[in-house]
Protein backbone atom coordinates (compact mmCIF):
# COMPACT_ATOMS: atom_id res chain seq x y z
CA MET A 1 12.97 52.48 198.16
CA ASN A 2 10.20 50.81 200.17
CA THR A 3 9.09 52.47 203.39
CA LEU A 4 9.33 49.06 205.13
CA ASP A 5 11.26 46.00 203.91
CA ILE A 6 11.06 42.88 206.06
CA GLN A 7 12.54 39.54 205.12
CA ASP A 8 12.51 36.25 207.11
CA LEU A 9 11.80 38.11 210.39
CA SER A 10 11.22 35.90 213.42
CA TYR A 11 10.76 36.79 217.04
CA GLN A 12 10.11 34.89 220.25
CA TYR A 13 9.72 35.91 223.89
CA GLN A 14 10.24 32.31 225.13
CA PRO A 15 12.32 29.58 223.42
CA GLY A 16 10.32 27.42 221.15
CA GLN A 17 7.30 29.74 221.08
CA PRO A 18 7.72 32.08 218.12
CA VAL A 19 5.42 35.10 217.94
CA LEU A 20 6.60 36.02 214.41
CA LYS A 21 7.56 33.27 211.97
CA ALA A 22 9.93 33.97 209.08
CA LEU A 23 7.73 36.99 208.13
CA ASP A 24 8.18 38.79 204.82
CA LEU A 25 6.43 42.20 204.33
CA GLN A 26 6.98 45.24 202.16
CA MET A 27 5.36 48.65 202.30
CA LYS A 28 5.38 50.87 199.19
CA PRO A 29 7.08 54.24 199.43
CA SER A 30 3.89 56.20 200.28
CA GLY A 31 0.23 55.67 201.21
CA ILE A 32 -1.41 53.87 204.12
CA LEU A 33 -0.76 50.26 205.12
CA GLY A 34 -3.58 48.59 207.04
CA LEU A 35 -2.07 46.11 209.49
CA LEU A 36 -4.74 43.55 210.36
CA GLY A 37 -5.02 40.59 212.71
CA ILE A 38 -6.98 39.26 215.71
CA ASN A 39 -5.55 39.67 219.17
CA GLY A 40 -2.33 37.64 219.51
CA ALA A 41 -1.61 37.69 215.74
CA GLY A 42 1.73 39.36 216.30
CA LYS A 43 0.81 43.00 215.44
CA SER A 44 2.17 44.53 218.65
CA THR A 45 5.42 42.59 218.40
CA LEU A 46 5.84 43.68 214.80
CA ILE A 47 5.14 47.33 215.69
CA GLY A 48 7.55 47.11 218.54
CA LEU A 49 10.30 45.94 216.15
CA LEU A 50 9.50 48.54 213.51
CA THR A 51 9.63 51.37 216.04
CA GLY A 52 12.82 50.20 217.73
CA GLN A 53 11.19 49.20 221.02
CA LEU A 54 12.27 45.62 220.44
CA LYS A 55 15.53 44.37 218.94
CA LYS A 56 15.31 41.97 216.03
CA GLN A 57 16.47 38.37 216.73
CA SER A 58 16.70 37.05 213.16
CA GLY A 59 15.91 38.21 209.66
CA ASP A 60 16.26 41.54 207.92
CA LEU A 61 14.38 44.65 208.72
CA THR A 62 14.75 48.21 207.22
CA VAL A 63 12.67 51.26 207.86
CA LEU A 64 12.85 54.05 205.38
CA GLY A 65 15.80 52.18 203.80
CA LEU A 66 17.79 52.08 207.13
CA ASP A 67 18.72 49.34 209.56
CA TYR A 68 18.37 49.90 213.30
CA ALA A 69 21.66 48.13 213.88
CA THR A 70 23.55 50.96 212.11
CA HIS A 71 21.14 53.85 211.86
CA ARG A 72 18.97 53.76 214.88
CA THR A 73 19.08 57.47 215.63
CA ASP A 74 18.42 58.44 212.03
CA ILE A 75 15.33 56.15 211.96
CA LEU A 76 13.89 57.42 215.20
CA ARG A 77 14.27 60.99 213.91
CA GLN A 78 11.87 60.22 211.08
CA ILE A 79 9.13 58.11 212.72
CA ALA A 80 6.49 58.53 215.31
CA LEU A 81 4.15 56.18 217.12
CA VAL A 82 0.63 57.15 218.33
CA PRO A 83 -0.33 54.36 220.65
CA GLN A 84 -3.83 53.16 221.58
CA GLY A 85 -3.38 54.34 225.07
CA TYR A 86 -3.03 58.01 225.97
CA ALA A 87 0.57 59.17 225.67
CA PHE A 88 0.40 62.49 227.41
CA TYR A 89 0.71 63.91 230.89
CA PRO A 90 -2.77 64.43 232.30
CA THR A 91 -1.89 67.37 234.59
CA LEU A 92 -0.08 69.36 231.85
CA THR A 93 -1.98 71.57 229.48
CA VAL A 94 -2.32 70.77 225.75
CA LEU A 95 0.39 73.39 225.10
CA GLU A 96 2.77 72.15 227.76
CA ASN A 97 2.41 68.54 226.58
CA LEU A 98 3.34 69.49 223.06
CA GLN A 99 6.22 71.68 224.26
CA PHE A 100 7.54 68.76 226.33
CA PHE A 101 7.56 66.36 223.41
CA ALA A 102 8.96 68.98 221.02
CA ASP A 103 11.81 69.51 223.40
CA LEU A 104 12.73 65.83 223.15
CA ARG A 105 13.80 66.58 219.58
CA ALA A 106 15.60 69.87 220.10
CA ASP A 107 17.88 68.98 217.16
CA LEU A 108 14.98 69.55 214.79
CA GLY A 109 14.87 73.28 215.63
CA GLU A 110 11.71 75.40 215.01
CA ARG A 111 10.31 74.20 218.35
CA THR A 112 7.65 76.85 218.63
CA GLN A 113 6.55 76.40 214.97
CA ARG A 114 6.35 72.67 215.25
CA VAL A 115 4.10 73.03 218.33
CA GLU A 116 1.84 75.59 216.66
CA ASP A 117 1.61 73.50 213.50
CA ALA A 118 0.50 70.48 215.50
CA ILE A 119 -2.09 72.49 217.42
CA ALA A 120 -3.45 74.04 214.22
CA PHE A 121 -3.59 70.70 212.35
CA CYS A 122 -5.51 68.98 215.18
CA GLN A 123 -7.70 72.04 215.73
CA LEU A 124 -6.74 72.40 219.41
CA GLU A 125 -6.38 76.21 219.47
CA ALA A 126 -9.33 76.69 221.78
CA HIS A 127 -8.02 74.11 224.24
CA ARG A 128 -4.30 74.91 224.30
CA GLN A 129 -4.43 76.08 228.03
CA GLN A 130 -6.69 73.27 229.15
CA THR A 131 -5.20 70.39 231.16
CA ALA A 132 -5.24 67.11 229.31
CA ASP A 133 -7.31 65.36 231.98
CA ARG A 134 -10.21 67.82 231.41
CA LEU A 135 -10.42 67.09 227.69
CA SER A 136 -13.23 65.06 226.20
CA GLY A 137 -12.40 61.64 224.77
CA GLY A 138 -12.33 62.98 221.21
CA LEU A 139 -10.03 65.87 222.16
CA LYS A 140 -7.72 63.44 223.96
CA ARG A 141 -7.37 61.52 220.76
CA ARG A 142 -6.58 64.72 218.87
CA LEU A 143 -3.86 65.50 221.46
CA ASN A 144 -2.47 61.99 221.10
CA LEU A 145 -2.26 62.56 217.32
CA ALA A 146 -0.78 66.10 217.73
CA ILE A 147 2.03 64.69 219.92
CA GLY A 148 2.76 62.19 217.16
CA LEU A 149 3.01 64.95 214.60
CA VAL A 150 5.00 67.59 216.56
CA ASN A 151 8.25 66.23 215.28
CA ARG A 152 7.13 66.08 211.66
CA PRO A 153 7.55 62.31 211.00
CA LYS A 154 7.97 60.84 207.57
CA LEU A 155 6.47 57.54 208.79
CA LEU A 156 3.64 57.46 211.33
CA PHE A 157 2.38 54.43 213.20
CA LEU A 158 -1.25 54.72 214.36
CA ASP A 159 -2.59 52.07 216.71
CA GLU A 160 -6.36 52.17 217.00
CA PRO A 161 -6.50 55.97 216.91
CA THR A 162 -10.37 56.06 216.91
CA VAL A 163 -11.02 53.69 219.74
CA GLY A 164 -13.69 54.85 222.25
CA ILE A 165 -14.69 58.12 220.62
CA ASP A 166 -17.97 59.51 219.25
CA PRO A 167 -18.72 59.50 215.52
CA ILE A 168 -17.97 63.24 214.98
CA SER A 169 -14.54 62.93 216.56
CA ARG A 170 -13.89 59.71 214.70
CA ASP A 171 -14.71 61.45 211.38
CA PHE A 172 -12.29 64.28 212.25
CA ILE A 173 -9.46 61.78 212.95
CA LEU A 174 -10.07 59.88 209.69
CA LYS A 175 -10.09 63.09 207.67
CA ALA A 176 -6.87 64.17 209.32
CA ILE A 177 -5.21 60.84 208.47
CA ARG A 178 -6.23 61.20 204.82
CA GLN A 179 -4.80 64.74 204.84
CA LEU A 180 -1.49 63.51 206.24
CA ARG A 181 -1.36 60.85 203.46
CA ASP A 182 -1.98 63.59 200.85
CA GLN A 183 0.91 65.53 202.38
CA GLY A 184 3.21 62.59 201.83
CA VAL A 185 3.38 61.05 205.26
CA ALA A 186 3.55 57.21 205.08
CA ILE A 187 1.24 55.63 207.64
CA VAL A 188 1.00 52.18 209.18
CA TYR A 189 -2.55 51.85 210.54
CA THR A 190 -3.87 49.15 212.84
CA SER A 191 -7.57 48.84 213.52
CA HIS A 192 -10.28 46.30 214.24
CA HIS A 193 -12.72 48.44 212.40
CA MET A 194 -12.84 47.04 208.90
CA GLN A 195 -14.74 49.99 207.55
CA GLU A 196 -11.85 52.29 208.55
CA ILE A 197 -9.39 49.99 206.63
CA GLU A 198 -11.62 50.21 203.55
CA LEU A 199 -11.91 54.04 203.81
CA LEU A 200 -8.15 54.71 204.37
CA CYS A 201 -5.84 52.05 203.22
CA ASP A 202 -4.48 51.40 199.73
CA GLN A 203 -2.35 48.55 201.08
CA VAL A 204 -3.22 45.81 203.60
CA ALA A 205 -1.27 43.11 205.41
CA LEU A 206 -3.07 40.34 207.31
CA LEU A 207 -1.13 38.78 210.13
CA HIS A 208 -2.33 35.51 211.64
CA GLN A 209 -0.49 33.25 213.99
CA GLY A 210 2.76 35.20 213.42
CA GLU A 211 2.58 34.87 209.63
CA VAL A 212 1.46 37.12 206.78
CA ARG A 213 -1.60 35.58 205.22
CA PHE A 214 -2.04 38.36 202.63
CA GLN A 215 -0.29 41.52 201.59
CA GLY A 216 -0.93 43.88 198.77
CA GLU A 217 -3.63 46.14 197.43
CA LEU A 218 -7.12 45.84 198.89
CA ASP A 219 -8.56 45.54 195.42
CA ALA A 220 -6.23 42.62 194.67
CA TRP A 221 -7.41 40.83 197.82
CA ARG A 222 -11.00 41.26 196.65
CA ARG A 223 -10.17 40.02 193.18
CA GLU A 224 -8.48 36.89 194.64
CA SER A 225 -11.59 36.24 196.81
CA GLY A 226 -14.07 36.54 193.93
CA VAL A 227 -17.69 37.65 193.90
CA LYS A 228 -20.48 36.73 196.26
CA LEU A 229 -23.76 35.74 194.54
CA GLU A 230 -27.09 35.71 196.26
CA VAL A 231 -30.49 35.08 194.54
CA GLU A 232 -33.77 35.09 196.34
CA ILE A 233 -37.20 34.51 194.85
CA ASP A 234 -40.78 34.28 196.27
CA GLN A 235 -41.00 30.42 195.91
CA ASP A 236 -38.89 27.34 196.45
CA TRP A 237 -36.18 26.71 193.88
CA SER A 238 -36.85 22.93 194.32
CA ASN A 239 -39.77 23.52 191.93
CA LEU A 240 -37.17 23.40 189.22
CA ASN A 241 -36.20 19.75 190.05
CA HIS A 242 -37.70 18.74 186.69
CA LEU A 243 -35.01 20.80 184.94
CA PRO A 244 -31.58 19.01 184.95
CA ALA A 245 -29.97 22.11 183.47
CA PHE A 246 -30.58 23.98 186.74
CA ASP A 247 -28.85 21.28 188.83
CA ASP A 248 -25.93 21.33 186.42
CA PHE A 249 -25.71 25.10 186.61
CA CYS A 250 -25.57 25.10 190.43
CA GLN A 251 -23.08 22.18 190.60
CA GLN A 252 -20.74 23.71 188.00
CA ASN A 253 -20.63 26.96 189.87
CA GLY A 254 -20.63 25.49 193.42
CA PHE A 255 -23.90 27.19 194.33
CA ILE A 256 -25.84 26.18 197.34
CA VAL A 257 -29.69 25.91 197.05
CA ASP A 258 -31.61 26.58 200.27
CA GLY A 259 -35.35 26.96 199.89
CA ASN A 260 -36.00 30.10 198.02
CA LYS A 261 -32.35 31.16 198.03
CA VAL A 262 -29.33 30.43 195.87
CA SER A 263 -25.86 31.53 197.06
CA GLY A 264 -22.25 30.97 196.15
CA ARG A 265 -18.93 32.42 195.10
CA LEU A 266 -17.72 33.18 191.64
CA PRO A 267 -14.20 33.94 190.30
CA SER A 268 -13.58 37.61 189.78
CA ASP A 269 -13.22 37.10 186.00
CA THR A 270 -16.71 35.53 185.65
CA ASP A 271 -19.00 36.96 183.01
CA LEU A 272 -21.58 38.33 185.53
CA ALA A 273 -23.94 39.40 182.72
CA LEU A 274 -23.99 35.76 181.53
CA ILE A 275 -24.79 34.56 185.09
CA ASP A 276 -27.54 37.14 185.30
CA ARG A 277 -29.12 35.97 182.07
CA GLN A 278 -28.93 32.30 183.11
CA VAL A 279 -30.62 33.03 186.47
CA MET A 280 -33.41 34.93 184.74
CA ALA A 281 -33.84 32.15 182.21
CA PHE A 282 -34.34 29.62 184.96
CA LEU A 283 -36.73 31.96 186.70
CA ASN A 284 -38.88 31.96 183.59
CA HIS A 285 -39.40 28.17 184.08
CA LEU A 286 -41.25 28.93 187.35
CA PRO A 287 -44.66 30.19 186.51
CA GLY A 288 -45.56 33.27 188.45
CA ALA A 289 -42.21 33.43 190.32
CA LYS A 290 -40.94 36.89 191.17
CA LEU A 291 -37.37 37.87 191.83
CA GLN A 292 -36.95 39.37 195.22
CA ARG A 293 -33.16 39.82 195.26
CA LEU A 294 -30.24 39.31 192.88
CA SER A 295 -26.85 40.46 194.16
CA MET A 296 -23.38 39.86 192.72
CA GLN A 297 -20.90 41.84 194.78
CA PRO A 298 -17.18 41.76 195.73
CA LEU A 299 -16.68 40.67 199.33
CA ASP A 300 -16.59 43.42 202.00
CA MET A 301 -13.58 43.85 204.20
CA GLU A 302 -15.12 42.23 207.28
CA THR A 303 -15.97 39.12 205.30
CA LEU A 304 -12.48 38.94 203.75
CA PHE A 305 -10.89 39.18 207.22
CA PHE A 306 -13.30 36.70 208.86
CA GLU A 307 -12.88 34.08 206.20
CA SER A 308 -9.09 34.32 206.39
CA VAL A 309 -8.92 33.61 210.11
CA GLN A 310 -12.15 31.71 210.88
CA PRO A 311 -10.83 28.12 210.31
CA ASP A 312 -8.00 28.46 212.85
CA VAL A 313 -10.21 30.22 215.38
CA LEU A 314 -12.95 27.52 215.11
CA ALA A 315 -10.29 24.85 215.48
CA ALA A 316 -8.98 26.54 218.59
CA LEU A 317 -12.45 26.88 220.04
CA LYS A 318 -13.11 23.19 219.43
CA HIS A 319 -9.80 22.24 221.11
CA ALA A 320 -10.71 24.54 224.04
CA SER A 321 -13.98 22.77 224.54
CA GLN A 322 -12.16 19.41 224.74
CA SER A 323 -9.44 20.48 227.14
CA ASP A 324 -8.52 22.86 229.89
CA VAL A 325 -7.67 25.66 227.46
CA THR A 326 -9.38 28.96 228.38
CA LEU A 327 -11.13 31.38 226.14
CA GLU A 328 -8.26 33.82 226.90
CA ASP A 329 -5.85 31.31 225.37
CA VAL A 330 -8.10 31.07 222.27
CA SER A 331 -8.01 34.81 221.83
CA HIS A 332 -4.27 34.57 221.33
CA VAL A 333 -4.55 32.11 218.43
């Protein structure tokens, strides 16, 4: 059974302006799903549907194998949302906040133990009697997480949980998330920090303009995108103009020659050792030339994301420059 199963899901706030468009998405039974997309891609709407804050209009949606139409209470008992904004009462202490949210699920029992477990997991013991408004930014994020954990969810939604905190607090939150994953909690993780997605997620889903542009394992996305090649020497590659084989090599592989640099993209199944030997062979035809850099690497997460959305964003920017469309409108492409 998948943690999430979405088929042909559409949603609109105004007639004729769909925010989600016949969306299909699956999440495996465990692990961390990274939900990616620029502002306005449809992430918040999708999270609203998955957490029962919005009612689906068309399509099929199950959470932990259950449908909100028939098992809403059962679903809500097993999930929790940690929003980007602070979700606690600032004038209550850490302990009082957790007791309050634990009381909302009195049916779970073990209220005191659940509160103590959440405090211990988020290492808030020394701050239990401190009011939330007096906590540092990092401790507020820990309290936000603790509130999400106090009812022991099977599925946890985390929306930008590290926004606005220092590196030490961020490291604590990321380690806590990995620990939750290892304990069997399924997690849907949204973030604009691509490094966090690479560190945490074994599955990714890219939303853009209300559609899923990619879903699957991060390694599969990298394989689909190929390998980036960059070669830099200490003289101009144009000195090889007398060698037709070099031009053929670049044209066949789609490489771009720019001064002392050669760059391009190779399919993932390319024999990289062969490419390396060919580059070095051409270099030997340049008397005295020295290799300064030779890199053949899979694309990083930021490049994958940018390349997936860049054409539409650039088109929207061009349209904005030719009309009365504002940059705020463009950010919702």
